[in-house]
Amino acid sequence: MKKIILLALMICAVKYSHAQYKPVEDGSVLKFTIKNLGFGVDGTFGGFQGNINFDPQNPDKSSFDVTVNASTVNTSNSLRDEHLRAENYFDVKNNPRIRLYSTRIIAKNGAYSFTGDLTIKGKTQFITFPFTAAAITDGFLFKGSFKIKRKDFGVGGTSTIADELEVSLSVIAKKG
């Protein structure tokens, strides 16, 4: 009987330590800031989907595979947004999702470090950035930011838009 109880406890511990979470739309934000003609332009994406396996005690066993819907790009200017959805920018018809996939998560200086791949418009680039994870009811609030170069992903051509942009994430994930 003791062996059965011990086995049941071990199964529960493994299940709890590898809890799976889903990003939720309500309260989650992917924001980007880029300069256009020297002025900062902000935009957002929505349509969060994916799986997050997160264990704050064992971050090396954690993983992220999340996407946003590229057609949800919103800069508060409908003409610009339609332009950004077109083939020369995000080409949402052929590349409907933007994907962030982890290959390694580690604890670092009271926070965590994400290492993995970012795929935009069918092009994948290695990325690493720090993030925090705050426990909330039935999940976590993940926050982080990083810089990328749009031309690395084939987004836009030569124009008045800067190559480098900053991306800020604030993602709520709940048990799925």
C-alpha atoms as a PDB file:
ATOM      1  CA  MET A   1       0.000   0.000   0.000  1.00  0.00           C
ATOM      2  CA  LYS A   2       2.874   2.384   0.820  1.00  0.00           C
ATOM      3  CA  LYS A   3       4.344   1.802  -2.641  1.00  0.00           C
ATOM      4  CA  ILE A   4       1.033   2.638  -4.313  1.00  0.00           C
ATOM      5  CA  ILE A   5       0.691   5.862  -2.319  1.00  0.00           C
ATOM      6  CA  LEU A   6       4.303   6.802  -3.076  1.00  0.00           C
ATOM      7  CA  LEU A   7       3.772   6.107  -6.778  1.00  0.00           C
ATOM      8  CA  ALA A   8       0.585   8.219  -6.801  1.00  0.00           C
ATOM      9  CA  LEU A   9       2.415  11.099  -5.094  1.00  0.00           C
ATOM     10  CA  MET A  10       5.263  10.889  -7.614  1.00  0.00           C
ATOM     11  CA  ILE A  11       2.817  10.977 -10.532  1.00  0.00           C
ATOM     12  CA  CYS A  12       1.071  14.025  -9.031  1.00  0.00           C
ATOM     13  CA  ALA A  13       4.416  15.750  -8.460  1.00  0.00           C
ATOM     14  CA  VAL A  14       5.499  15.157 -12.062  1.00  0.00           C
ATOM     15  CA  LYS A  15       2.131  16.329 -13.367  1.00  0.00           C
ATOM     16  CA  TYR A  16       2.252  19.481 -11.216  1.00  0.00           C
ATOM     17  CA  SER A  17       5.874  20.292 -12.032  1.00  0.00           C
ATOM     18  CA  HIS A  18       5.147  20.144 -15.741  1.00  0.00           C
ATOM     19  CA  ALA A  19       1.919  22.106 -15.642  1.00  0.00           C
ATOM     20  CA  GLN A  20       0.749  23.174 -19.042  1.00  0.00           C
ATOM     21  CA  TYR A  21      -0.570  26.664 -19.625  1.00  0.00           C
ATOM     22  CA  LYS A  22      -2.234  28.416 -22.531  1.00  0.00           C
ATOM     23  CA  PRO A  23      -1.775  32.096 -23.365  1.00  0.00           C
ATOM     24  CA  VAL A  24      -5.042  33.971 -22.998  1.00  0.00           C
ATOM     25  CA  GLU A  25      -6.094  36.935 -25.091  1.00  0.00           C
ATOM     26  CA  ASP A  26      -7.677  38.975 -22.300  1.00  0.00           C
ATOM     27  CA  GLY A  27      -4.899  40.988 -20.664  1.00  0.00           C
ATOM     28  CA  SER A  28      -2.076  39.755 -22.938  1.00  0.00           C
ATOM     29  CA  VAL A  29      -0.211  42.226 -25.144  1.00  0.00           C
ATOM     30  CA  LEU A  30       2.518  41.946 -27.757  1.00  0.00           C
ATOM     31  CA  LYS A  31       3.616  45.508 -28.473  1.00  0.00           C
ATOM     32  CA  PHE A  32       6.226  46.770 -30.921  1.00  0.00           C
ATOM     33  CA  THR A  33       7.805  50.192 -31.315  1.00  0.00           C
ATOM     34  CA  ILE A  34       9.612  51.302 -34.461  1.00  0.00           C
ATOM     35  CA  LYS A  35      10.734  54.661 -35.824  1.00  0.00           C
ATOM     36  CA  ASN A  36       9.159  55.981 -39.010  1.00  0.00           C
ATOM     37  CA  LEU A  37      10.545  59.278 -40.311  1.00  0.00           C
ATOM     38  CA  GLY A  38      12.245  59.599 -36.923  1.00  0.00           C
ATOM     39  CA  PHE A  39       8.991  59.337 -34.962  1.00  0.00           C
ATOM     40  CA  GLY A  40       8.087  56.368 -32.770  1.00  0.00           C
ATOM     41  CA  VAL A  41       5.200  54.246 -34.031  1.00  0.00           C
ATOM     42  CA  ASP A  42       3.590  51.722 -31.690  1.00  0.00           C
ATOM     43  CA  GLY A  43       1.632  48.684 -32.707  1.00  0.00           C
ATOM     44  CA  THR A  44       0.231  45.497 -31.239  1.00  0.00           C
ATOM     45  CA  PHE A  45      -0.621  41.939 -32.214  1.00  0.00           C
ATOM     46  CA  GLY A  46      -3.278  39.640 -30.756  1.00  0.00           C
ATOM     47  CA  GLY A  47      -4.665  36.190 -31.425  1.00  0.00           C
ATOM     48  CA  PHE A  48      -2.465  34.406 -28.873  1.00  0.00           C
ATOM     49  CA  GLN A  49      -2.270  30.599 -29.145  1.00  0.00           C
ATOM     50  CA  GLY A  50       0.104  27.891 -28.049  1.00  0.00           C
ATOM     51  CA  ASN A  51       1.450  25.855 -25.188  1.00  0.00           C
ATOM     52  CA  ILE A  52       3.584  26.874 -22.257  1.00  0.00           C
ATOM     53  CA  ASN A  53       5.075  24.285 -19.939  1.00  0.00           C
ATOM     54  CA  PHE A  54       6.526  26.261 -17.071  1.00  0.00           C
ATOM     55  CA  ASP A  55       8.032  25.137 -13.795  1.00  0.00           C
ATOM     56  CA  PRO A  56       9.675  28.005 -11.882  1.00  0.00           C
ATOM     57  CA  GLN A  57      11.585  25.514  -9.730  1.00  0.00           C
ATOM     58  CA  ASN A  58      12.981  23.658 -12.757  1.00  0.00           C
ATOM     59  CA  PRO A  59      13.134  26.178 -15.610  1.00  0.00           C
ATOM     60  CA  ASP A  60      15.362  23.852 -17.661  1.00  0.00           C
ATOM     61  CA  LYS A  61      12.323  21.572 -18.036  1.00  0.00           C
ATOM     62  CA  SER A  62      10.141  24.467 -19.209  1.00  0.00           C
ATOM     63  CA  SER A  63       9.169  25.210 -22.795  1.00  0.00           C
ATOM     64  CA  PHE A  64       7.269  27.818 -24.779  1.00  0.00           C
ATOM     65  CA  ASP A  65       5.637  27.393 -28.184  1.00  0.00           C
ATOM     66  CA  VAL A  66       3.351  30.364 -28.765  1.00  0.00           C
ATOM     67  CA  THR A  67       2.022  32.274 -31.744  1.00  0.00           C
ATOM     68  CA  VAL A  68       0.117  35.446 -32.533  1.00  0.00           C
ATOM     69  CA  ASN A  69      -2.129  36.129 -35.486  1.00  0.00           C
ATOM     70  CA  ALA A  70      -0.164  38.324 -37.932  1.00  0.00           C
ATOM     71  CA  SER A  71      -3.366  39.788 -39.413  1.00  0.00           C
ATOM     72  CA  THR A  72      -4.204  41.405 -36.060  1.00  0.00           C
ATOM     73  CA  VAL A  73      -1.434  44.001 -36.505  1.00  0.00           C
ATOM     74  CA  ASN A  74      -2.821  47.263 -35.147  1.00  0.00           C
ATOM     75  CA  THR A  75      -1.064  50.642 -35.256  1.00  0.00           C
ATOM     76  CA  SER A  76      -4.283  52.667 -34.816  1.00  0.00           C
ATOM     77  CA  ASN A  77      -4.122  53.599 -38.515  1.00  0.00           C
ATOM     78  CA  SER A  78      -6.224  51.324 -40.737  1.00  0.00           C
ATOM     79  CA  LEU A  79      -4.444  52.308 -43.976  1.00  0.00           C
ATOM     80  CA  ARG A  80      -1.024  51.556 -42.468  1.00  0.00           C
ATOM     81  CA  ASP A  81      -2.331  48.298 -40.969  1.00  0.00           C
ATOM     82  CA  GLU A  82      -3.572  47.092 -44.378  1.00  0.00           C
ATOM     83  CA  HIS A  83      -0.167  48.003 -45.838  1.00  0.00           C
ATOM     84  CA  LEU A  84       1.563  45.987 -43.088  1.00  0.00           C
ATOM     85  CA  ARG A  85      -0.616  42.941 -43.845  1.00  0.00           C
ATOM     86  CA  ALA A  86       0.470  42.996 -47.515  1.00  0.00           C
ATOM     87  CA  GLU A  87       3.100  40.784 -49.160  1.00  0.00           C
ATOM     88  CA  ASN A  88       6.031  43.211 -48.770  1.00  0.00           C
ATOM     89  CA  TYR A  89       5.562  43.376 -44.992  1.00  0.00           C
ATOM     90  CA  PHE A  90       3.954  40.531 -43.000  1.00  0.00           C
ATOM     91  CA  ASP A  91       2.346  38.755 -45.983  1.00  0.00           C
ATOM     92  CA  VAL A  92      -0.431  37.490 -43.718  1.00  0.00           C
ATOM     93  CA  LYS A  93      -2.093  35.558 -46.544  1.00  0.00           C
ATOM     94  CA  ASN A  94       0.904  33.204 -46.780  1.00  0.00           C
ATOM     95  CA  ASN A  95       2.256  33.648 -43.226  1.00  0.00           C
ATOM     96  CA  PRO A  96      -0.734  33.901 -40.891  1.00  0.00           C
ATOM     97  CA  ARG A  97       1.133  33.300 -37.609  1.00  0.00           C
ATOM     98  CA  ILE A  98       4.223  34.709 -35.887  1.00  0.00           C
ATOM     99  CA  ARG A  99       5.855  32.020 -33.732  1.00  0.00           C
ATOM    100  CA  LEU A 100       8.117  32.109 -30.664  1.00  0.00           C
ATOM    101  CA  TYR A 101       9.577  28.716 -29.723  1.00  0.00           C
ATOM    102  CA  SER A 102      11.978  28.055 -26.859  1.00  0.00           C
ATOM    103  CA  THR A 103      14.985  25.764 -26.986  1.00  0.00           C
ATOM    104  CA  ARG A 104      16.201  26.609 -23.478  1.00  0.00           C
ATOM    105  CA  ILE A 105      14.882  28.385 -20.386  1.00  0.00           C
ATOM    106  CA  ILE A 106      17.203  29.153 -17.470  1.00  0.00           C
ATOM    107  CA  ALA A 107      16.946  31.032 -14.190  1.00  0.00           C
ATOM    108  CA  LYS A 108      19.111  34.152 -14.197  1.00  0.00           C
ATOM    109  CA  ASN A 109      19.503  36.940 -11.612  1.00  0.00           C
ATOM    110  CA  GLY A 110      16.082  36.468 -10.016  1.00  0.00           C
ATOM    111  CA  ALA A 111      14.383  36.211 -13.405  1.00  0.00           C
ATOM    112  CA  TYR A 112      14.642  33.875 -16.395  1.00  0.00           C
ATOM    113  CA  SER A 113      16.320  33.808 -19.768  1.00  0.00           C
ATOM    114  CA  PHE A 114      14.536  32.672 -22.929  1.00  0.00           C
ATOM    115  CA  THR A 115      16.584  31.158 -25.726  1.00  0.00           C
ATOM    116  CA  GLY A 116      14.890  29.977 -28.882  1.00  0.00           C
ATOM    117  CA  ASP A 117      13.585  30.839 -32.317  1.00  0.00           C
ATOM    118  CA  LEU A 118      11.370  33.625 -33.601  1.00  0.00           C
ATOM    119  CA  THR A 119       9.641  33.033 -36.943  1.00  0.00           C
ATOM    120  CA  ILE A 120       8.157  35.920 -38.885  1.00  0.00           C
ATOM    121  CA  LYS A 121       7.118  35.698 -42.533  1.00  0.00           C
ATOM    122  CA  GLY A 122       8.610  32.220 -42.849  1.00  0.00           C
ATOM    123  CA  LYS A 123      12.073  33.307 -41.697  1.00  0.00           C
ATOM    124  CA  THR A 124      13.451  32.039 -38.394  1.00  0.00           C
ATOM    125  CA  GLN A 125      16.057  33.808 -36.287  1.00  0.00           C
ATOM    126  CA  PHE A 126      17.748  32.793 -33.026  1.00  0.00           C
ATOM    127  CA  ILE A 127      16.739  35.010 -30.112  1.00  0.00           C
ATOM    128  CA  THR A 128      17.528  35.334 -26.432  1.00  0.00           C
ATOM    129  CA  PHE A 129      16.033  37.731 -23.894  1.00  0.00           C
ATOM    130  CA  PRO A 130      15.321  38.057 -20.169  1.00  0.00           C
ATOM    131  CA  PHE A 131      11.804  37.681 -18.807  1.00  0.00           C
ATOM    132  CA  THR A 132       9.948  37.574 -15.525  1.00  0.00           C
ATOM    133  CA  ALA A 133       7.228  35.199 -14.399  1.00  0.00           C
ATOM    134  CA  ALA A 134       4.772  36.259 -11.697  1.00  0.00           C
ATOM    135  CA  ALA A 135       2.322  33.727 -10.310  1.00  0.00           C
ATOM    136  CA  ILE A 136      -1.338  34.683 -10.725  1.00  0.00           C
ATOM    137  CA  THR A 137      -4.549  32.748 -10.089  1.00  0.00           C
ATOM    138  CA  ASP A 138      -4.335  29.540 -12.159  1.00  0.00           C
ATOM    139  CA  GLY A 139      -1.262  30.658 -14.064  1.00  0.00           C
ATOM    140  CA  PHE A 140       1.503  33.163 -14.680  1.00  0.00           C
ATOM    141  CA  LEU A 141       2.095  36.629 -16.044  1.00  0.00           C
ATOM    142  CA  PHE A 142       5.186  36.583 -18.276  1.00  0.00           C
ATOM    143  CA  LYS A 143       6.918  39.854 -19.198  1.00  0.00           C
ATOM    144  CA  GLY A 144       9.947  40.461 -21.376  1.00  0.00           C
ATOM    145  CA  SER A 145      11.319  42.569 -24.196  1.00  0.00           C
ATOM    146  CA  PHE A 146      13.861  42.306 -26.976  1.00  0.00           C
ATOM    147  CA  LYS A 147      15.058  44.060 -30.126  1.00  0.00           C
ATOM    148  CA  ILE A 148      15.027  42.620 -33.625  1.00  0.00           C
ATOM    149  CA  LYS A 149      15.849  43.795 -37.127  1.00  0.00           C
ATOM    150  CA  ARG A 150      12.850  43.670 -39.442  1.00  0.00           C
ATOM    151  CA  LYS A 151      15.010  43.068 -42.522  1.00  0.00           C
ATOM    152  CA  ASP A 152      16.297  39.812 -40.965  1.00  0.00           C
ATOM    153  CA  PHE A 153      12.742  38.558 -41.462  1.00  0.00           C
ATOM    154  CA  GLY A 154      12.165  40.086 -44.901  1.00  0.00           C
ATOM    155  CA  VAL A 155       9.645  42.568 -43.514  1.00  0.00           C
ATOM    156  CA  GLY A 156       9.482  45.754 -45.588  1.00  0.00           C
ATOM    157  CA  GLY A 157      12.090  47.022 -47.973  1.00  0.00           C
ATOM    158  CA  THR A 158      14.078  50.205 -48.064  1.00  0.00           C
ATOM    159  CA  SER A 159      11.906  52.944 -46.733  1.00  0.00           C
ATOM    160  CA  THR A 160      11.612  55.610 -44.089  1.00  0.00           C
ATOM    161  CA  ILE A 161      11.082  52.909 -41.446  1.00  0.00           C
ATOM    162  CA  ALA A 162      13.987  52.018 -39.138  1.00  0.00           C
ATOM    163  CA  ASP A 163      15.394  48.493 -39.346  1.00  0.00           C
ATOM    164  CA  GLU A 164      15.530  47.902 -35.586  1.00  0.00           C
ATOM    165  CA  LEU A 165      12.417  47.674 -33.473  1.00  0.00           C
ATOM    166  CA  GLU A 166      11.635  46.818 -29.874  1.00  0.00           C
ATOM    167  CA  VAL A 167       9.138  44.129 -28.936  1.00  0.00           C
ATOM    168  CA  SER A 168       7.535  44.002 -25.482  1.00  0.00           C
ATOM    169  CA  LEU A 169       5.571  41.001 -24.254  1.00  0.00           C
ATOM    170  CA  SER A 170       3.106  40.844 -21.392  1.00  0.00           C
ATOM    171  CA  VAL A 171       1.404  37.461 -21.631  1.00  0.00           C
ATOM    172  CA  ILE A 172      -1.080  35.924 -19.230  1.00  0.00           C
ATOM    173  CA  ALA A 173      -1.082  32.137 -19.329  1.00  0.00           C
ATOM    174  CA  LYS A 174      -3.621  29.974 -17.513  1.00  0.00           C
ATOM    175  CA  LYS A 175      -3.815  26.241 -16.933  1.00  0.00           C
ATOM    176  CA  GLY A 176      -5.049  24.628 -20.092  1.00  0.00           C
END
